């Protein structure tokens, strides 16, 4: 079960629900996993449960500065990003506000 060995996956909303299930699967298949969410305690708990090769970053995806910090921490820790699983629920207007600048880099 190492088809994602050497890959780095970032999962927004990775501390609960579908995001958590996805982060667990990526990790089980060998990926290094970055999880983000707003609740620091659940992020720390999930990171501890998953074990090695996991980075948990408290992030509010409605704030561009938080997204910049998330991407910087992921890059500093793992050096690259292969998979982006955008799972955190936000309003469509906010999606356009932060996703467009992110994609235009």
PDB file of N, CA and C in Angstrom:
ATOM      1  N   UNK A   1       0.820  -1.198   0.000  1.00  0.00           N
ATOM      2  CA  UNK A   1       0.000   0.000   0.000  1.00  0.00           C
ATOM      3  C   UNK A   1       0.861   1.257   0.000  1.00  0.00           C
ATOM      4  N   UNK A   2       1.755   1.411  -0.959  1.00  0.00           N
ATOM      5  CA  UNK A   2       2.609   2.592  -0.981  1.00  0.00           C
ATOM      6  C   UNK A   2       2.569   3.293  -2.335  1.00  0.00           C
ATOM      7  N   UNK A   3       1.411   3.322  -2.953  1.00  0.00           N
ATOM      8  CA  UNK A   3       1.297   3.931  -4.279  1.00  0.00           C
ATOM      9  C   UNK A   3       1.482   5.444  -4.246  1.00  0.00           C
ATOM     10  N   UNK A   4       1.439   6.055  -3.069  1.00  0.00           N
ATOM     11  CA  UNK A   4       1.673   7.489  -2.950  1.00  0.00           C
ATOM     12  C   UNK A   4       3.002   7.794  -2.252  1.00  0.00           C
ATOM     13  N   UNK A   5       3.848   6.787  -2.139  1.00  0.00           N
ATOM     14  CA  UNK A   5       5.158   6.952  -1.504  1.00  0.00           C
ATOM     15  C   UNK A   5       5.924   8.085  -2.178  1.00  0.00           C
ATOM     16  N   UNK A   6       6.457   9.002  -1.374  1.00  0.00           N
ATOM     17  CA  UNK A   6       7.222  10.121  -1.903  1.00  0.00           C
ATOM     18  C   UNK A   6       6.378  11.305  -2.332  1.00  0.00           C
ATOM     19  N   UNK A   7       5.076  11.180  -2.282  1.00  0.00           N
ATOM     20  CA  UNK A   7       4.180  12.272  -2.650  1.00  0.00           C
ATOM     21  C   UNK A   7       3.790  13.067  -1.403  1.00  0.00           C
ATOM     22  N   UNK A   8       3.432  14.324  -1.617  1.00  0.00           N
ATOM     23  CA  UNK A   8       2.971  15.192  -0.534  1.00  0.00           C
ATOM     24  C   UNK A   8       1.563  15.658  -0.871  1.00  0.00           C
ATOM     25  N   UNK A   9       0.638  15.409   0.053  1.00  0.00           N
ATOM     26  CA  UNK A   9      -0.765  15.784  -0.149  1.00  0.00           C
ATOM     27  C   UNK A   9      -1.184  16.795   0.911  1.00  0.00           C
ATOM     28  N   UNK A  10      -1.853  17.849   0.482  1.00  0.00           N
ATOM     29  CA  UNK A  10      -2.411  18.843   1.391  1.00  0.00           C
ATOM     30  C   UNK A  10      -3.928  18.710   1.370  1.00  0.00           C
ATOM     31  N   UNK A  11      -4.521  18.568   2.552  1.00  0.00           N
ATOM     32  CA  UNK A  11      -5.968  18.409   2.669  1.00  0.00           C
ATOM     33  C   UNK A  11      -6.512  19.536   3.539  1.00  0.00           C
ATOM     34  N   UNK A  12      -7.277  20.451   2.940  1.00  0.00           N
ATOM     35  CA  UNK A  12      -7.919  21.478   3.752  1.00  0.00           C
ATOM     36  C   UNK A  12      -9.116  20.845   4.443  1.00  0.00           C
ATOM     37  N   UNK A  13      -9.377  21.274   5.658  1.00  0.00           N
ATOM     38  CA  UNK A  13     -10.445  20.646   6.431  1.00  0.00           C
ATOM     39  C   UNK A  13     -10.093  19.214   6.781  1.00  0.00           C
ATOM     40  N   UNK A  14      -8.799  18.950   6.926  1.00  0.00           N
ATOM     41  CA  UNK A  14      -8.320  17.593   7.163  1.00  0.00           C
ATOM     42  C   UNK A  14      -8.420  17.114   8.598  1.00  0.00           C
ATOM     43  N   UNK A  15      -9.047  17.896   9.436  1.00  0.00           N
ATOM     44  CA  UNK A  15      -9.153  17.505  10.846  1.00  0.00           C
ATOM     45  C   UNK A  15     -10.501  16.891  11.204  1.00  0.00           C
ATOM     46  N   UNK A  16     -11.406  16.751  10.229  1.00  0.00           N
ATOM     47  CA  UNK A  16     -12.698  16.127  10.529  1.00  0.00           C
ATOM     48  C   UNK A  16     -13.384  15.689   9.230  1.00  0.00           C
ATOM     49  N   UNK A  17     -14.372  14.829   9.380  1.00  0.00           N
ATOM     50  CA  UNK A  17     -15.241  14.433   8.275  1.00  0.00           C
ATOM     51  C   UNK A  17     -14.528  13.854   7.074  1.00  0.00           C
ATOM     52  N   UNK A  18     -14.985  14.266   5.904  1.00  0.00           N
ATOM     53  CA  UNK A  18     -14.436  13.767   4.641  1.00  0.00           C
ATOM     54  C   UNK A  18     -12.955  14.107   4.514  1.00  0.00           C
ATOM     55  N   UNK A  19     -12.568  15.288   4.950  1.00  0.00           N
ATOM     56  CA  UNK A  19     -11.158  15.674   4.887  1.00  0.00           C
ATOM     57  C   UNK A  19     -10.278  14.765   5.722  1.00  0.00           C
ATOM     58  N   UNK A  20     -10.731  14.439   6.904  1.00  0.00           N
ATOM     59  CA  UNK A  20      -9.975  13.531   7.774  1.00  0.00           C
ATOM     60  C   UNK A  20      -9.881  12.145   7.153  1.00  0.00           C
ATOM     61  N   UNK A  21     -10.991  11.635   6.639  1.00  0.00           N
ATOM     62  CA  UNK A  21     -10.975  10.319   5.990  1.00  0.00           C
ATOM     63  C   UNK A  21     -10.013  10.310   4.809  1.00  0.00           C
ATOM     64  N   UNK A  22      -9.994  11.389   4.053  1.00  0.00           N
ATOM     65  CA  UNK A  22      -9.103  11.491   2.896  1.00  0.00           C
ATOM     66  C   UNK A  22      -7.645  11.552   3.348  1.00  0.00           C
ATOM     67  N   UNK A  23      -7.363  12.349   4.364  1.00  0.00           N
ATOM     68  CA  UNK A  23      -5.997  12.451   4.889  1.00  0.00           C
ATOM     69  C   UNK A  23      -5.509  11.085   5.380  1.00  0.00           C
ATOM     70  N   UNK A  24      -6.369  10.357   6.045  1.00  0.00           N
ATOM     71  CA  UNK A  24      -6.004   9.018   6.527  1.00  0.00           C
ATOM     72  C   UNK A  24      -5.662   8.087   5.363  1.00  0.00           C
ATOM     73  N   UNK A  25      -6.458   8.141   4.308  1.00  0.00           N
ATOM     74  CA  UNK A  25      -6.203   7.280   3.145  1.00  0.00           C
ATOM     75  C   UNK A  25      -4.893   7.658   2.449  1.00  0.00           C
ATOM     76  N   UNK A  26      -4.687   8.954   2.220  1.00  0.00           N
ATOM     77  CA  UNK A  26      -3.435   9.387   1.600  1.00  0.00           C
ATOM     78  C   UNK A  26      -2.248   8.892   2.428  1.00  0.00           C
ATOM     79  N   UNK A  27      -2.329   9.063   3.736  1.00  0.00           N
ATOM     80  CA  UNK A  27      -1.246   8.651   4.634  1.00  0.00           C
ATOM     81  C   UNK A  27      -1.060   7.124   4.590  1.00  0.00           C
ATOM     82  N   UNK A  28      -2.155   6.396   4.600  1.00  0.00           N
ATOM     83  CA  UNK A  28      -2.077   4.928   4.555  1.00  0.00           C
ATOM     84  C   UNK A  28      -1.419   4.430   3.266  1.00  0.00           C
ATOM     85  N   UNK A  29      -1.557   5.195   2.186  1.00  0.00           N
ATOM     86  CA  UNK A  29      -0.954   4.822   0.911  1.00  0.00           C
ATOM     87  C   UNK A  29       0.447   5.396   0.735  1.00  0.00           C
ATOM     88  N   UNK A  30       1.009   5.944   1.812  1.00  0.00           N
ATOM     89  CA  UNK A  30       2.406   6.350   1.793  1.00  0.00           C
ATOM     90  C   UNK A  30       2.698   7.817   1.612  1.00  0.00           C
ATOM     91  N   UNK A  31       1.695   8.651   1.447  1.00  0.00           N
ATOM     92  CA  UNK A  31       1.930  10.082   1.244  1.00  0.00           C
ATOM     93  C   UNK A  31       2.308  10.773   2.551  1.00  0.00           C
ATOM     94  N   UNK A  32       3.112  11.803   2.417  1.00  0.00           N
ATOM     95  CA  UNK A  32       3.315  12.749   3.503  1.00  0.00           C
ATOM     96  C   UNK A  32       2.099  13.658   3.429  1.00  0.00           C
ATOM     97  N   UNK A  33       1.507  13.992   4.578  1.00  0.00           N
ATOM     98  CA  UNK A  33       0.228  14.690   4.574  1.00  0.00           C
ATOM     99  C   UNK A  33       0.291  15.991   5.356  1.00  0.00           C
ATOM    100  N   UNK A  34      -0.227  17.042   4.745  1.00  0.00           N
ATOM    101  CA  UNK A  34      -0.427  18.318   5.413  1.00  0.00           C
ATOM    102  C   UNK A  34      -1.927  18.467   5.602  1.00  0.00           C
ATOM    103  N   UNK A  35      -2.343  18.673   6.849  1.00  0.00           N
ATOM    104  CA  UNK A  35      -3.761  18.898   7.111  1.00  0.00           C
ATOM    105  C   UNK A  35      -3.935  20.308   7.639  1.00  0.00           C
ATOM    106  N   UNK A  36      -5.034  20.933   7.235  1.00  0.00           N
ATOM    107  CA  UNK A  36      -5.334  22.259   7.753  1.00  0.00           C
ATOM    108  C   UNK A  36      -6.772  22.279   8.253  1.00  0.00           C
ATOM    109  N   UNK A  37      -7.013  23.192   9.167  1.00  0.00           N
ATOM    110  CA  UNK A  37      -8.339  23.383   9.736  1.00  0.00           C
ATOM    111  C   UNK A  37      -8.274  24.526  10.723  1.00  0.00           C
ATOM    112  N   UNK A  38      -9.423  24.919  11.223  1.00  0.00           N
ATOM    113  CA  UNK A  38      -9.454  26.056  12.140  1.00  0.00           C
ATOM    114  C   UNK A  38      -9.244  25.672  13.601  1.00  0.00           C
ATOM    115  N   UNK A  39      -9.493  24.423  13.950  1.00  0.00           N
ATOM    116  CA  UNK A  39      -9.438  23.995  15.346  1.00  0.00           C
ATOM    117  C   UNK A  39      -8.088  23.351  15.665  1.00  0.00           C
ATOM    118  N   UNK A  40      -7.269  24.079  16.412  1.00  0.00           N
ATOM    119  CA  UNK A  40      -5.911  23.616  16.734  1.00  0.00           C
ATOM    120  C   UNK A  40      -5.908  22.274  17.472  1.00  0.00           C
ATOM    121  N   UNK A  41      -6.834  22.094  18.420  1.00  0.00           N
ATOM    122  CA  UNK A  41      -6.851  20.863  19.221  1.00  0.00           C
ATOM    123  C   UNK A  41      -7.123  19.628  18.368  1.00  0.00           C
ATOM    124  N   UNK A  42      -8.103  19.723  17.461  1.00  0.00           N
ATOM    125  CA  UNK A  42      -8.388  18.555  16.623  1.00  0.00           C
ATOM    126  C   UNK A  42      -7.261  18.307  15.629  1.00  0.00           C
ATOM    127  N   UNK A  43      -6.625  19.374  15.147  1.00  0.00           N
ATOM    128  CA  UNK A  43      -5.480  19.210  14.250  1.00  0.00           C
ATOM    129  C   UNK A  43      -4.354  18.452  14.942  1.00  0.00           C
ATOM    130  N   UNK A  44      -4.045  18.859  16.174  1.00  0.00           N
ATOM    131  CA  UNK A  44      -2.984  18.204  16.928  1.00  0.00           C
ATOM    132  C   UNK A  44      -3.333  16.744  17.200  1.00  0.00           C
ATOM    133  N   UNK A  45      -4.590  16.474  17.535  1.00  0.00           N
ATOM    134  CA  UNK A  45      -5.034  15.110  17.812  1.00  0.00           C
ATOM    135  C   UNK A  45      -4.887  14.230  16.568  1.00  0.00           C
ATOM    136  N   UNK A  46      -5.331  14.734  15.433  1.00  0.00           N
ATOM    137  CA  UNK A  46      -5.243  13.968  14.187  1.00  0.00           C
ATOM    138  C   UNK A  46      -3.782  13.734  13.810  1.00  0.00           C
ATOM    139  N   UNK A  47      -2.952  14.761  13.923  1.00  0.00           N
ATOM    140  CA  UNK A  47      -1.532  14.607  13.590  1.00  0.00           C
ATOM    141  C   UNK A  47      -0.894  13.538  14.464  1.00  0.00           C
ATOM    142  N   UNK A  48      -1.233  13.530  15.732  1.00  0.00           N
ATOM    143  CA  UNK A  48      -0.699  12.535  16.647  1.00  0.00           C
ATOM    144  C   UNK A  48      -1.195  11.129  16.285  1.00  0.00           C
ATOM    145  N   UNK A  49      -2.460  11.021  15.926  1.00  0.00           N
ATOM    146  CA  UNK A  49      -3.026   9.724  15.546  1.00  0.00           C
ATOM    147  C   UNK A  49      -2.363   9.170  14.290  1.00  0.00           C
ATOM    148  N   UNK A  50      -2.133  10.029  13.308  1.00  0.00           N
ATOM    149  CA  UNK A  50      -1.554   9.573  12.049  1.00  0.00           C
ATOM    150  C   UNK A  50      -0.078   9.238  12.195  1.00  0.00           C
ATOM    151  N   UNK A  51       0.618   9.973  13.036  1.00  0.00           N
ATOM    152  CA  UNK A  51       2.029   9.668  13.289  1.00  0.00           C
ATOM    153  C   UNK A  51       2.988  10.447  12.417  1.00  0.00           C
ATOM    154  N   UNK A  52       4.000   9.762  11.902  1.00  0.00           N
ATOM    155  CA  UNK A  52       5.075  10.416  11.161  1.00  0.00           C
ATOM    156  C   UNK A  52       4.603  10.965   9.817  1.00  0.00           C
ATOM    157  N   UNK A  53       5.395  11.909   9.284  1.00  0.00           N
ATOM    158  CA  UNK A  53       5.147  12.511   7.979  1.00  0.00           C
ATOM    159  C   UNK A  53       3.803  13.219   7.886  1.00  0.00           C
ATOM    160  N   UNK A  54       3.422  13.887   8.980  1.00  0.00           N
ATOM    161  CA  UNK A  54       2.176  14.662   9.006  1.00  0.00           C
ATOM    162  C   UNK A  54       2.485  16.049   9.560  1.00  0.00           C
ATOM    163  N   UNK A  55       1.974  17.050   8.880  1.00  0.00           N
ATOM    164  CA  UNK A  55       2.085  18.431   9.342  1.00  0.00           C
ATOM    165  C   UNK A  55       0.681  18.978   9.496  1.00  0.00           C
ATOM    166  N   UNK A  56       0.367  19.497  10.671  1.00  0.00           N
ATOM    167  CA  UNK A  56      -0.937  20.110  10.934  1.00  0.00           C
ATOM    168  C   UNK A  56      -0.745  21.620  11.060  1.00  0.00           C
ATOM    169  N   UNK A  57      -1.524  22.380  10.288  1.00  0.00           N
ATOM    170  CA  UNK A  57      -1.391  23.830  10.289  1.00  0.00           C
ATOM    171  C   UNK A  57      -2.768  24.452  10.496  1.00  0.00           C
ATOM    172  N   UNK A  58      -2.897  25.210  11.576  1.00  0.00           N
ATOM    173  CA  UNK A  58      -4.164  25.905  11.819  1.00  0.00           C
ATOM    174  C   UNK A  58      -4.336  26.962  10.735  1.00  0.00           C
ATOM    175  N   UNK A  59      -5.473  26.897  10.030  1.00  0.00           N
ATOM    176  CA  UNK A  59      -5.692  27.764   8.873  1.00  0.00           C
ATOM    177  C   UNK A  59      -7.163  28.115   8.752  1.00  0.00           C
ATOM    178  N   UNK A  60      -7.426  29.383   8.498  1.00  0.00           N
ATOM    179  CA  UNK A  60      -8.758  29.839   8.127  1.00  0.00           C
ATOM    180  C   UNK A  60      -8.681  30.142   6.639  1.00  0.00           C
ATOM    181  N   UNK A  61      -9.281  29.300   5.808  1.00  0.00           N
ATOM    182  CA  UNK A  61      -9.133  29.442   4.359  1.00  0.00           C
ATOM    183  C   UNK A  61      -9.831  30.669   3.789  1.00  0.00           C
ATOM    184  N   UNK A  62     -10.524  31.410   4.629  1.00  0.00           N
ATOM    185  CA  UNK A  62     -11.116  32.667   4.160  1.00  0.00           C
ATOM    186  C   UNK A  62     -10.121  33.819   4.273  1.00  0.00           C
ATOM    187  N   UNK A  63      -8.936  33.552   4.800  1.00  0.00           N
ATOM    188  CA  UNK A  63      -7.905  34.585   4.973  1.00  0.00           C
ATOM    189  C   UNK A  63      -6.690  34.248   4.120  1.00  0.00           C
ATOM    190  N   UNK A  64      -6.390  35.125   3.156  1.00  0.00           N
ATOM    191  CA  UNK A  64      -5.261  34.878   2.265  1.00  0.00           C
ATOM    192  C   UNK A  64      -3.951  34.734   3.025  1.00  0.00           C
ATOM    193  N   UNK A  65      -3.787  35.487   4.094  1.00  0.00           N
ATOM    194  CA  UNK A  65      -2.544  35.403   4.871  1.00  0.00           C
ATOM    195  C   UNK A  65      -2.392  34.020   5.497  1.00  0.00           C
ATOM    196  N   UNK A  66      -3.486  33.410   5.923  1.00  0.00           N
ATOM    197  CA  UNK A  66      -3.435  32.053   6.470  1.00  0.00           C
ATOM    198  C   UNK A  66      -3.064  31.046   5.388  1.00  0.00           C
ATOM    199  N   UNK A  67      -3.601  31.232   4.189  1.00  0.00           N
ATOM    200  CA  UNK A  67      -3.287  30.323   3.088  1.00  0.00           C
ATOM    201  C   UNK A  67      -1.820  30.443   2.708  1.00  0.00           C
ATOM    202  N   UNK A  68      -1.312  31.678   2.684  1.00  0.00           N
ATOM    203  CA  UNK A  68       0.112  31.881   2.400  1.00  0.00           C
ATOM    204  C   UNK A  68       0.972  31.167   3.437  1.00  0.00           C
ATOM    205  N   UNK A  69       0.582  31.275   4.712  1.00  0.00           N
ATOM    206  CA  UNK A  69       1.327  30.612   5.778  1.00  0.00           C
ATOM    207  C   UNK A  69       1.257  29.092   5.623  1.00  0.00           C
ATOM    208  N   UNK A  70       0.089  28.588   5.289  1.00  0.00           N
ATOM    209  CA  UNK A  70      -0.088  27.144   5.082  1.00  0.00           C
ATOM    210  C   UNK A  70       0.836  26.644   3.989  1.00  0.00           C
ATOM    211  N   UNK A  71       0.854  27.322   2.862  1.00  0.00           N
ATOM    212  CA  UNK A  71       1.683  26.897   1.742  1.00  0.00           C
ATOM    213  C   UNK A  71       3.165  26.998   2.091  1.00  0.00           C
ATOM    214  N   UNK A  72       3.545  28.055   2.791  1.00  0.00           N
ATOM    215  CA  UNK A  72       4.942  28.227   3.187  1.00  0.00           C
ATOM    216  C   UNK A  72       5.382  27.113   4.138  1.00  0.00           C
ATOM    217  N   UNK A  73       4.549  26.790   5.115  1.00  0.00           N
ATOM    218  CA  UNK A  73       4.891  25.728   6.077  1.00  0.00           C
ATOM    219  C   UNK A  73       4.990  24.375   5.381  1.00  0.00           C
ATOM    220  N   UNK A  74       4.074  24.104   4.461  1.00  0.00           N
ATOM    221  CA  UNK A  74       4.121  22.839   3.718  1.00  0.00           C
ATOM    222  C   UNK A  74       5.411  22.743   2.920  1.00  0.00           C
ATOM    223  N   UNK A  75       5.770  23.819   2.251  1.00  0.00           N
ATOM    224  CA  UNK A  75       6.989  23.836   1.438  1.00  0.00           C
ATOM    225  C   UNK A  75       8.239  23.714   2.306  1.00  0.00           C
ATOM    226  N   UNK A  76       8.261  24.428   3.436  1.00  0.00           N
ATOM    227  CA  UNK A  76       9.410  24.357   4.341  1.00  0.00           C
ATOM    228  C   UNK A  76       9.591  22.942   4.891  1.00  0.00           C
ATOM    229  N   UNK A  77       8.481  22.282   5.182  1.00  0.00           N
ATOM    230  CA  UNK A  77       8.540  20.956   5.807  1.00  0.00           C
ATOM    231  C   UNK A  77       8.814  19.847   4.819  1.00  0.00           C
ATOM    232  N   UNK A  78       8.134  19.868   3.678  1.00  0.00           N
ATOM    233  CA  UNK A  78       8.225  18.745   2.744  1.00  0.00           C
ATOM    234  C   UNK A  78       8.847  19.103   1.390  1.00  0.00           C
ATOM    235  N   UNK A  79       9.021  20.386   1.103  1.00  0.00           N
ATOM    236  CA  UNK A  79       9.728  20.805  -0.102  1.00  0.00           C
ATOM    237  C   UNK A  79       8.962  20.802  -1.403  1.00  0.00           C
ATOM    238  N   UNK A  80       7.737  20.283  -1.383  1.00  0.00           N
ATOM    239  CA  UNK A  80       6.947  20.245  -2.612  1.00  0.00           C
ATOM    240  C   UNK A  80       5.500  19.940  -2.250  1.00  0.00           C
ATOM    241  N   UNK A  81       4.655  19.972  -3.262  1.00  0.00           N
ATOM    242  CA  UNK A  81       3.248  19.610  -3.087  1.00  0.00           C
ATOM    243  C   UNK A  81       2.799  18.896  -4.358  1.00  0.00           C
ATOM    244  N   UNK A  82       2.285  17.673  -4.185  1.00  0.00           N
ATOM    245  CA  UNK A  82       1.839  16.885  -5.328  1.00  0.00           C
ATOM    246  C   UNK A  82       0.323  16.825  -5.453  1.00  0.00           C
ATOM    247  N   UNK A  83      -0.366  16.857  -4.321  1.00  0.00           N
ATOM    248  CA  UNK A  83      -1.823  16.716  -4.304  1.00  0.00           C
ATOM    249  C   UNK A  83      -2.421  17.825  -3.458  1.00  0.00           C
ATOM    250  N   UNK A  84      -3.442  18.491  -3.994  1.00  0.00           N
ATOM    251  CA  UNK A  84      -4.196  19.492  -3.237  1.00  0.00           C
ATOM    252  C   UNK A  84      -5.645  19.045  -3.204  1.00  0.00           C
ATOM    253  N   UNK A  85      -6.126  18.691  -2.014  1.00  0.00           N
ATOM    254  CA  UNK A  85      -7.505  18.252  -1.832  1.00  0.00           C
ATOM    255  C   UNK A  85      -8.234  19.370  -1.093  1.00  0.00           C
ATOM    256  N   UNK A  86      -8.957  20.198  -1.852  1.00  0.00           N
ATOM    257  CA  UNK A  86      -9.650  21.360  -1.290  1.00  0.00           C
ATOM    258  C   UNK A  86     -10.997  20.885  -0.767  1.00  0.00           C
ATOM    259  N   UNK A  87     -11.086  20.755   0.528  1.00  0.00           N
ATOM    260  CA  UNK A  87     -12.247  20.165   1.165  1.00  0.00           C
ATOM    261  C   UNK A  87     -12.968  21.132   2.096  1.00  0.00           C
ATOM    262  N   UNK A  88     -12.268  22.126   2.603  1.00  0.00           N
ATOM    263  CA  UNK A  88     -12.878  23.040   3.570  1.00  0.00           C
ATOM    264  C   UNK A  88     -14.070  23.755   2.938  1.00  0.00           C
ATOM    265  N   UNK A  89     -15.170  23.796   3.659  1.00  0.00           N
ATOM    266  CA  UNK A  89     -16.386  24.420   3.137  1.00  0.00           C
ATOM    267  C   UNK A  89     -16.377  25.926   3.343  1.00  0.00           C
ATOM    268  N   UNK A  90     -16.517  26.660   2.242  1.00  0.00           N
ATOM    269  CA  UNK A  90     -16.605  28.115   2.295  1.00  0.00           C
ATOM    270  C   UNK A  90     -17.648  28.580   1.286  1.00  0.00           C
ATOM    271  N   UNK A  91     -18.079  29.821   1.406  1.00  0.00           N
ATOM    272  CA  UNK A  91     -19.044  30.374   0.458  1.00  0.00           C
ATOM    273  C   UNK A  91     -18.394  30.573  -0.903  1.00  0.00           C
ATOM    274  N   UNK A  92     -19.172  30.480  -1.951  1.00  0.00           N
ATOM    275  CA  UNK A  92     -18.660  30.607  -3.318  1.00  0.00           C
ATOM    276  C   UNK A  92     -17.949  31.938  -3.514  1.00  0.00           C
ATOM    277  N   UNK A  93     -18.473  33.014  -2.993  1.00  0.00           N
ATOM    278  CA  UNK A  93     -17.841  34.323  -3.142  1.00  0.00           C
ATOM    279  C   UNK A  93     -16.438  34.295  -2.559  1.00  0.00           C
ATOM    280  N   UNK A  94     -16.277  33.684  -1.392  1.00  0.00           N
ATOM    281  CA  UNK A  94     -14.964  33.599  -0.773  1.00  0.00           C
ATOM    282  C   UNK A  94     -14.038  32.685  -1.564  1.00  0.00           C
ATOM    283  N   UNK A  95     -14.602  31.640  -2.144  1.00  0.00           N
ATOM    284  CA  UNK A  95     -13.816  30.735  -2.984  1.00  0.00           C
ATOM    285  C   UNK A  95     -13.147  31.532  -4.098  1.00  0.00           C
ATOM    286  N   UNK A  96     -13.914  32.364  -4.774  1.00  0.00           N
ATOM    287  CA  UNK A  96     -13.369  33.161  -5.864  1.00  0.00           C
ATOM    288  C   UNK A  96     -12.339  34.157  -5.348  1.00  0.00           C
ATOM    289  N   UNK A  97     -12.548  34.661  -4.154  1.00  0.00           N
ATOM    290  CA  UNK A  97     -11.656  35.656  -3.588  1.00  0.00           C
ATOM    291  C   UNK A  97     -10.270  35.091  -3.324  1.00  0.00           C
ATOM    292  N   UNK A  98     -10.177  33.870  -2.787  1.00  0.00           N
ATOM    293  CA  UNK A  98      -8.848  33.358  -2.466  1.00  0.00           C
ATOM    294  C   UNK A  98      -8.312  32.384  -3.493  1.00  0.00           C
ATOM    295  N   UNK A  99      -9.162  31.692  -4.218  1.00  0.00           N
ATOM    296  CA  UNK A  99      -8.665  30.691  -5.151  1.00  0.00           C
ATOM    297  C   UNK A  99      -8.037  31.343  -6.393  1.00  0.00           C
ATOM    298  N   UNK A 100      -8.663  32.377  -6.897  1.00  0.00           N
ATOM    299  CA  UNK A 100      -8.119  33.041  -8.095  1.00  0.00           C
ATOM    300  C   UNK A 100      -6.694  33.553  -7.859  1.00  0.00           C
ATOM    301  N   UNK A 101      -6.452  34.308  -6.775  1.00  0.00           N
ATOM    302  CA  UNK A 101      -5.056  34.753  -6.551  1.00  0.00           C
ATOM    303  C   UNK A 101      -4.093  33.583  -6.356  1.00  0.00           C
ATOM    304  N   UNK A 102      -4.552  32.519  -5.736  1.00  0.00           N
ATOM    305  CA  UNK A 102      -3.699  31.362  -5.499  1.00  0.00           C
ATOM    306  C   UNK A 102      -3.317  30.706  -6.829  1.00  0.00           C
ATOM    307  N   UNK A 103      -4.270  30.570  -7.741  1.00  0.00           N
ATOM    308  CA  UNK A 103      -4.033  29.927  -9.018  1.00  0.00           C
ATOM    309  C   UNK A 103      -3.252  30.808  -9.979  1.00  0.00           C
ATOM    310  N   UNK A 104      -3.301  32.131  -9.776  1.00  0.00           N
ATOM    311  CA  UNK A 104      -2.651  33.049 -10.682  1.00  0.00           C
ATOM    312  C   UNK A 104      -1.155  33.220 -10.387  1.00  0.00           C
ATOM    313  N   UNK A 105      -0.646  32.549  -9.355  1.00  0.00           N
ATOM    314  CA  UNK A 105       0.771  32.685  -8.989  1.00  0.00           C
ATOM    315  C   UNK A 105       1.657  32.051 -10.003  1.00  0.00           C
TER     316      UNK A 105
END
